[in-house]
Protein backbone atom coordinates (compact mmCIF):
# COMPACT_ATOMS: atom_id res chain seq x y z
CA MET A 1 2.50 -32.40 39.69
CA ALA A 2 3.83 -29.70 37.93
CA SER A 3 7.22 -31.13 35.81
CA ALA A 4 10.47 -29.37 36.16
CA TRP A 5 13.83 -28.80 33.95
CA TYR A 6 17.45 -27.87 34.28
CA GLN A 7 18.05 -24.44 32.88
CA VAL A 8 21.59 -24.74 31.64
CA SER A 9 22.69 -21.40 30.64
CA CYS A 10 26.33 -20.36 28.60
CA ASP A 11 27.80 -17.06 27.46
CA VAL A 12 29.78 -17.66 24.07
CA PRO A 13 31.12 -15.24 21.42
CA ALA A 14 28.49 -14.34 18.98
CA VAL A 15 30.40 -16.21 16.15
CA LEU A 16 30.02 -19.59 18.22
CA ALA A 17 26.48 -18.86 18.95
CA GLU A 18 25.01 -21.27 16.11
CA THR A 19 27.46 -23.84 16.41
CA VAL A 20 26.54 -24.04 20.76
CA ALA A 21 23.08 -23.62 19.83
CA ASP A 22 22.91 -27.11 17.67
CA TYR A 23 25.07 -28.58 20.00
CA LEU A 24 22.75 -28.13 23.21
CA THR A 25 19.77 -28.85 20.62
CA GLU A 26 20.89 -32.07 20.07
CA GLN A 27 22.06 -32.95 23.58
CA SER A 28 19.07 -31.59 25.56
CA GLY A 29 16.25 -32.60 22.73
CA CYS A 30 14.76 -29.46 23.10
CA GLY A 31 14.99 -25.84 21.35
CA VAL A 32 17.21 -23.41 22.74
CA CYS A 33 16.90 -19.47 23.61
CA THR A 34 19.32 -17.15 22.39
CA ASP A 35 20.15 -14.07 24.37
CA ASN A 36 16.50 -12.40 25.13
CA ARG A 37 17.22 -8.72 24.41
CA ASN A 38 14.38 -5.69 25.02
CA VAL A 39 14.20 -3.89 21.80
CA ASP A 40 11.90 -1.34 20.39
CA THR A 41 11.74 -2.42 16.55
CA PHE A 42 9.95 -4.90 14.64
CA SER A 43 12.80 -4.75 12.31
CA THR A 44 15.70 -7.15 12.67
CA ASP A 45 18.20 -4.17 10.66
CA ASP A 46 17.54 -2.42 13.73
CA ILE A 47 19.05 -4.77 16.49
CA PRO A 48 22.32 -3.96 17.81
CA THR A 49 24.79 -6.62 17.43
CA THR A 50 26.63 -7.55 20.49
CA ASN A 51 29.93 -9.58 20.97
CA THR A 52 28.67 -12.20 23.61
CA VAL A 53 25.37 -14.05 23.57
CA THR A 54 23.96 -16.19 26.30
CA ILE A 55 22.55 -19.62 25.09
CA SER A 56 20.31 -21.35 27.31
CA SER A 57 18.91 -25.14 26.91
CA TYR A 58 16.48 -27.36 29.04
CA PHE A 59 16.99 -30.43 30.35
CA SER A 60 13.65 -32.44 32.11
CA ILE A 61 14.14 -33.75 35.34
CA PRO A 62 15.53 -36.46 36.28
CA CYS A 63 18.37 -36.58 33.94
CA PRO A 64 22.40 -37.18 34.29
CA ILE A 65 22.68 -33.27 34.56
CA GLU A 66 26.31 -33.61 35.78
CA GLU A 67 27.28 -35.32 32.52
CA HIS A 68 25.48 -33.29 30.43
CA LEU A 69 27.58 -30.33 32.10
CA ALA A 70 30.82 -32.26 31.79
CA ALA A 71 30.08 -32.62 28.00
CA LEU A 72 29.29 -29.10 27.49
CA THR A 73 32.25 -27.93 29.23
CA ALA A 74 34.52 -29.97 27.14
CA PHE A 75 32.80 -28.81 24.01
CA LEU A 76 33.38 -25.19 24.83
CA ASN A 77 37.11 -26.37 25.78
CA ARG A 78 37.51 -27.57 21.95
CA LEU A 79 35.77 -24.60 20.61
CA SER A 80 38.07 -22.03 22.50
CA THR A 81 41.30 -23.59 20.61
CA ASP A 82 40.49 -21.79 17.69
CA LEU A 83 39.50 -18.37 19.37
CA PRO A 84 42.67 -17.47 21.56
CA ASP A 85 40.61 -14.32 23.06
CA TYR A 86 37.90 -16.94 24.11
CA HIS A 87 38.41 -18.27 27.68
CA PRO A 88 35.09 -20.26 28.53
CA VAL A 89 33.18 -19.68 31.25
CA PRO A 90 31.44 -22.63 33.30
CA PRO A 91 27.90 -22.98 32.54
CA THR A 92 25.19 -22.23 35.10
CA VAL A 93 22.41 -24.42 36.03
CA THR A 94 18.66 -23.58 37.28
CA MET A 95 16.15 -25.57 38.33
CA ILE A 96 12.88 -24.01 37.02
CA ALA A 97 9.21 -25.63 37.75
CA GLU A 98 7.15 -25.76 35.04
CA GLU A 99 3.71 -24.15 35.85
CA ASP A 100 -0.07 -24.53 34.28
CA TRP A 101 0.39 -21.19 32.26
CA ALA A 102 -3.16 -22.24 30.96
CA SER A 103 -4.93 -21.40 34.18
CA SER A 104 -2.26 -19.71 36.34
CA TRP A 105 -2.40 -16.38 34.48
CA LYS A 106 -6.19 -16.00 35.14
CA GLU A 107 -5.12 -15.40 38.82
CA HIS A 108 -4.05 -12.17 37.72
CA PHE A 109 -6.50 -10.81 35.37
CA LYS A 110 -9.78 -9.60 37.47
CA PRO A 111 -12.56 -7.33 36.54
CA LEU A 112 -11.09 -3.85 35.65
CA PRO A 113 -12.87 -0.25 35.30
CA VAL A 114 -11.27 1.77 32.71
CA GLY A 115 -12.42 5.79 32.03
CA GLU A 116 -16.03 6.34 32.92
CA ARG A 117 -18.00 4.02 30.89
CA LEU A 118 -15.92 0.85 30.41
CA LEU A 119 -15.49 -2.70 32.40
CA ILE A 120 -12.85 -5.45 31.16
CA LEU A 121 -14.24 -8.60 32.11
CA PRO A 122 -12.58 -11.95 32.20
CA SER A 123 -14.85 -14.45 30.17
CA TRP A 124 -14.96 -16.55 33.19
CA GLU A 125 -16.88 -14.03 35.22
CA THR A 126 -20.46 -12.16 34.97
CA PRO A 127 -21.09 -8.67 35.72
CA ALA A 128 -22.15 -7.53 39.01
CA VAL A 129 -26.27 -7.17 39.06
CA GLY A 130 -26.86 -3.51 37.95
CA GLU A 131 -23.36 -2.96 36.44
CA THR A 132 -24.18 0.22 34.43
CA ARG A 133 -20.64 0.12 32.51
CA GLN A 134 -20.03 -1.07 29.11
CA VAL A 135 -18.84 -4.67 29.53
CA ILE A 136 -15.87 -6.16 27.32
CA THR A 137 -15.98 -9.74 27.86
CA LEU A 138 -12.46 -11.01 27.05
CA ASP A 139 -10.34 -14.09 26.83
CA PRO A 140 -6.87 -12.43 25.49
CA GLY A 141 -5.45 -16.47 24.76
CA MET A 142 -2.05 -16.07 23.14
CA ALA A 143 -2.76 -12.42 21.92
CA PHE A 144 -1.73 -8.97 23.97
CA GLY A 145 -4.42 -6.63 25.46
CA THR A 146 -6.45 -7.53 28.83
CA GLY A 147 -6.53 -3.64 29.35
CA GLY A 148 -4.20 -3.99 32.31
CA HIS A 149 -1.33 -2.98 30.45
CA GLU A 150 -0.69 1.05 30.74
CA THR A 151 -0.57 1.35 26.79
CA THR A 152 -4.22 -0.69 25.97
CA ARG A 153 -5.25 1.32 29.12
CA LEU A 154 -4.14 4.78 27.84
CA CYS A 155 -5.79 3.82 24.25
CA LEU A 156 -9.25 3.08 25.72
CA GLU A 157 -9.22 6.35 27.89
CA SER A 158 -8.40 8.15 24.65
CA LEU A 159 -11.34 6.24 22.87
CA GLU A 160 -13.95 6.72 25.58
CA GLN A 161 -13.04 10.67 25.28
CA ILE A 162 -13.25 11.03 21.44
CA MET A 163 -16.25 8.66 21.17
CA ALA A 164 -18.15 10.81 23.38
CA SER A 165 -17.76 13.60 21.13
CA ALA A 166 -18.11 11.64 17.66
CA SER A 167 -21.15 12.79 15.45
CA ASP A 168 -20.60 10.30 12.84
CA ALA A 169 -21.25 6.64 13.66
CA GLU A 170 -21.18 5.38 10.31
CA ALA A 171 -17.58 6.46 9.31
CA PRO A 172 -15.20 3.43 10.08
CA VAL A 173 -12.66 3.20 12.97
CA LEU A 174 -9.12 1.33 12.57
CA ASP A 175 -7.98 -0.80 15.15
CA LEU A 176 -3.67 -1.26 14.08
CA GLY A 177 -2.25 -4.21 15.68
CA THR A 178 -5.59 -5.44 17.42
CA GLY A 179 -4.18 -7.99 19.36
CA SER A 180 -6.89 -9.68 21.69
CA GLY A 181 -9.29 -7.04 19.91
CA ILE A 182 -10.21 -5.15 23.23
CA LEU A 183 -9.56 -1.92 21.49
CA ALA A 184 -12.21 -2.62 18.45
CA ILE A 185 -14.38 -4.06 20.78
CA ALA A 186 -14.70 -1.19 22.89
CA ALA A 187 -15.23 1.26 19.97
CA ALA A 188 -18.29 -0.88 18.88
CA LYS A 189 -19.40 -0.84 22.54
CA LEU A 190 -19.17 2.85 22.57
CA GLY A 191 -20.96 3.41 19.16
CA ALA A 192 -18.82 3.05 16.30
CA ARG A 193 -20.55 0.62 13.67
CA ARG A 194 -17.67 -0.24 11.04
CA ILE A 195 -14.15 -1.01 12.53
CA GLU A 196 -11.50 -2.66 11.00
CA ALA A 197 -9.31 -4.84 13.32
CA VAL A 198 -5.97 -5.97 11.79
CA ASP A 199 -2.95 -7.98 12.96
CA ILE A 200 -0.05 -9.08 11.51
CA ASP A 201 -0.15 -12.38 13.69
CA PRO A 202 -3.15 -14.79 12.35
CA GLN A 203 -3.57 -16.26 15.83
CA ALA A 204 -4.07 -12.64 17.13
CA VAL A 205 -6.86 -12.43 14.52
CA LEU A 206 -8.10 -15.73 15.65
CA VAL A 207 -8.63 -14.49 19.07
CA ALA A 208 -9.71 -11.07 18.30
CA GLN A 209 -12.73 -12.86 16.35
CA GLU A 210 -13.71 -14.96 18.95
CA ASN A 211 -13.49 -12.16 21.65
CA CYS A 212 -16.13 -10.01 18.98
CA ARG A 213 -18.16 -13.08 19.28
CA LEU A 214 -18.31 -13.01 22.80
CA ASN A 215 -19.39 -9.69 23.24
CA ARG A 216 -21.77 -9.73 20.39
CA VAL A 217 -20.02 -7.34 18.17
CA ALA A 218 -18.65 -9.89 15.31
CA ASP A 219 -21.13 -7.49 12.98
CA ALA A 220 -19.39 -4.52 13.72
CA VAL A 221 -15.53 -5.69 13.41
CA SER A 222 -13.81 -7.29 10.74
CA CYS A 223 -10.42 -8.64 11.50
CA SER A 224 -7.84 -9.51 9.42
CA VAL A 225 -3.78 -9.77 8.52
CA THR A 226 -4.35 -6.94 5.90
CA PRO A 227 -1.25 -4.84 5.91
CA LEU A 228 -2.17 -1.10 6.24
CA GLU A 229 -0.92 -0.38 2.82
CA GLN A 230 -3.94 -2.37 1.59
CA LEU A 231 -6.29 -0.96 3.95
CA PRO A 232 -8.67 1.50 1.55
CA GLY A 233 -8.50 4.56 4.35
CA GLY A 234 -11.22 7.19 4.98
CA TYR A 235 -10.96 6.37 8.61
CA ARG A 236 -12.45 8.83 11.28
CA LEU A 237 -10.55 7.44 14.12
CA ILE A 238 -7.14 5.12 13.72
CA LEU A 239 -5.84 3.58 16.97
CA ALA A 240 -2.37 2.16 17.06
CA ASN A 241 -0.72 0.51 19.78
CA ILE A 242 2.41 -0.79 18.63
CA LEU A 243 6.25 0.02 18.90
CA ALA A 244 7.47 3.32 18.50
CA GLU A 245 9.84 2.63 15.54
CA GLU A 246 6.68 1.19 13.53
CA LEU A 247 4.96 4.14 14.36
CA VAL A 248 7.19 6.47 12.72
CA ARG A 249 7.55 4.21 9.89
CA MET A 250 3.79 4.08 8.95
CA ALA A 251 3.46 7.82 9.39
CA PRO A 252 2.52 8.77 6.30
CA GLU A 253 0.32 5.71 5.21
CA LEU A 254 -1.28 6.08 8.73
CA THR A 255 -2.06 9.97 7.93
CA LYS A 256 -2.95 9.44 4.78
CA ARG A 257 -5.68 7.05 5.44
CA LEU A 258 -7.34 9.56 8.10
CA LEU A 259 -10.10 11.66 7.33
CA PRO A 260 -9.88 15.52 7.56
CA ASP A 261 -10.79 16.47 11.59
CA GLY A 262 -10.05 12.60 12.15
CA TRP A 263 -8.39 11.34 15.33
CA LEU A 264 -5.07 9.71 15.32
CA VAL A 265 -4.21 7.47 18.54
CA LEU A 266 -1.03 6.32 18.95
CA SER A 267 0.37 4.23 21.84
CA GLY A 268 3.22 1.71 23.15
CA ILE A 269 5.47 4.51 23.45
CA LEU A 270 8.15 4.41 26.32
CA ALA A 271 8.58 7.83 27.96
CA GLU A 272 12.01 7.96 26.52
CA ARG A 273 10.72 7.47 23.12
CA GLU A 274 7.92 10.04 23.14
CA GLN A 275 9.96 12.81 21.31
CA PHE A 276 11.55 10.33 18.73
CA VAL A 277 7.39 9.56 17.76
CA ILE A 278 6.88 13.40 17.85
CA ASP A 279 9.53 14.41 15.63
CA GLY A 280 8.30 11.60 13.50
CA PHE A 281 5.28 12.88 12.90
CA VAL A 282 6.22 16.75 12.75
CA SER A 283 5.71 16.62 8.74
CA GLN A 284 2.29 15.13 9.07
CA PRO A 285 -0.88 17.30 8.58
CA LEU A 286 -1.54 16.78 12.00
CA ASP A 287 -2.33 18.56 15.32
CA LEU A 288 -1.12 17.07 18.66
CA GLN A 289 -4.21 17.39 21.02
CA GLN A 290 -2.68 15.53 23.95
CA SER A 291 -0.35 13.37 25.55
CA LEU A 292 -1.11 10.93 28.15
CA ALA A 293 0.94 9.45 30.88
CA ALA A 294 1.17 6.09 32.85
CA GLY A 295 3.94 4.98 34.51
CA GLU A 296 6.52 4.79 31.69
CA TRP A 297 4.25 4.89 28.77
CA ARG A 298 2.96 7.66 26.98
CA CYS A 299 -0.13 8.26 24.40
CA LEU A 300 -0.33 10.78 21.58
CA CYS A 301 -3.36 12.02 20.49
CA TYR A 302 -3.68 13.82 17.04
CA ARG A 303 -6.17 15.30 14.93
CA LYS A 304 -5.91 15.79 11.39
CA ARG A 305 -6.26 19.20 9.86
CA PRO A 306 -9.28 20.11 7.70
C-alpha cells in the first residue's frame, strides 16, 4: 500500500526563506521545496527575484499534524515582529499519496511512430511481427527523452529528413544535451557511423550508454560529459535540444564546430522565444532552412554556408 504525506506550505518574504526552510527541515526531518518557478535558462543570474516565496515541507502520515501547524504558525508570528510589513498567512495542508513512480510512468509510455522511418519502443515491449520501421528501444530512466515530447519529436523528424539526403556517413554527428540518448541512437539507426552524445548530467550519460547498448549502437555512439568548448568539431550535423537561452549563448561555438554545408538543428524552443533564438543566430554564417512547429514548441533547422 502506498504511503501518504502531509504537504505543508507557507508564503513568506524572500528574506525569511532560508530561516523558514531550516525550521521546516528540522521539524519534518525531510527536505523542503522552495518556490518552483518555470524559467527558460540554465543560469541562476537570469532568474528574476521575487518578494515572496512558497516554502513546502512534508510530514509522513500518521503524525501530530495539528501540533506541527500550531508550532509553525507561532514561529511565523515571532518572525513577523522584526518585519512590520509581514503579516503571516496560515500555512496550507494537502494530503499527498506517494505513487510507485518507478512503474506508474510506464503506463503513459507506449510505442510511438515518428516520421516515416522510426518507431520508439519501450524496453519492456517487443516490435510487432513484420515491423518495417527502424526501432529505437528506450528506457529513459532518470533522463529526458522518450520521443513523446514535441521538442524531441521535432528533432527526430528533422533528423530523418536530413539523413535521407546525407551523402557522407563517416562525418561525425553531435547530439548536445543527449538525455536518454534517443537522438544519437536515431542518428545511428538512420546511417550515421560516428556520433558524439554529450550531456552535463552524468546520470543522463549513464542512461544514454545503456540505451545505446540496448539498441546495439554502442560502437557508433560515444557518450560523455565533455563540454562543448572541448569538443573538436568537424560535425556535419549538430542536434541541440536544450533551452533557448543556452542555444543563443552557444551560437558561436556551435557554428564553429559545424562543417561547411553542415546542418544545425535547434529545439527546446517555446514559440514565444523563437524570434529570440533567430536573432541570436543572425550574426552566424548560417541560413535558416525551416521552422517546424508542434503545439507551443518550435524547431529551427539551419545550414552552414559553404
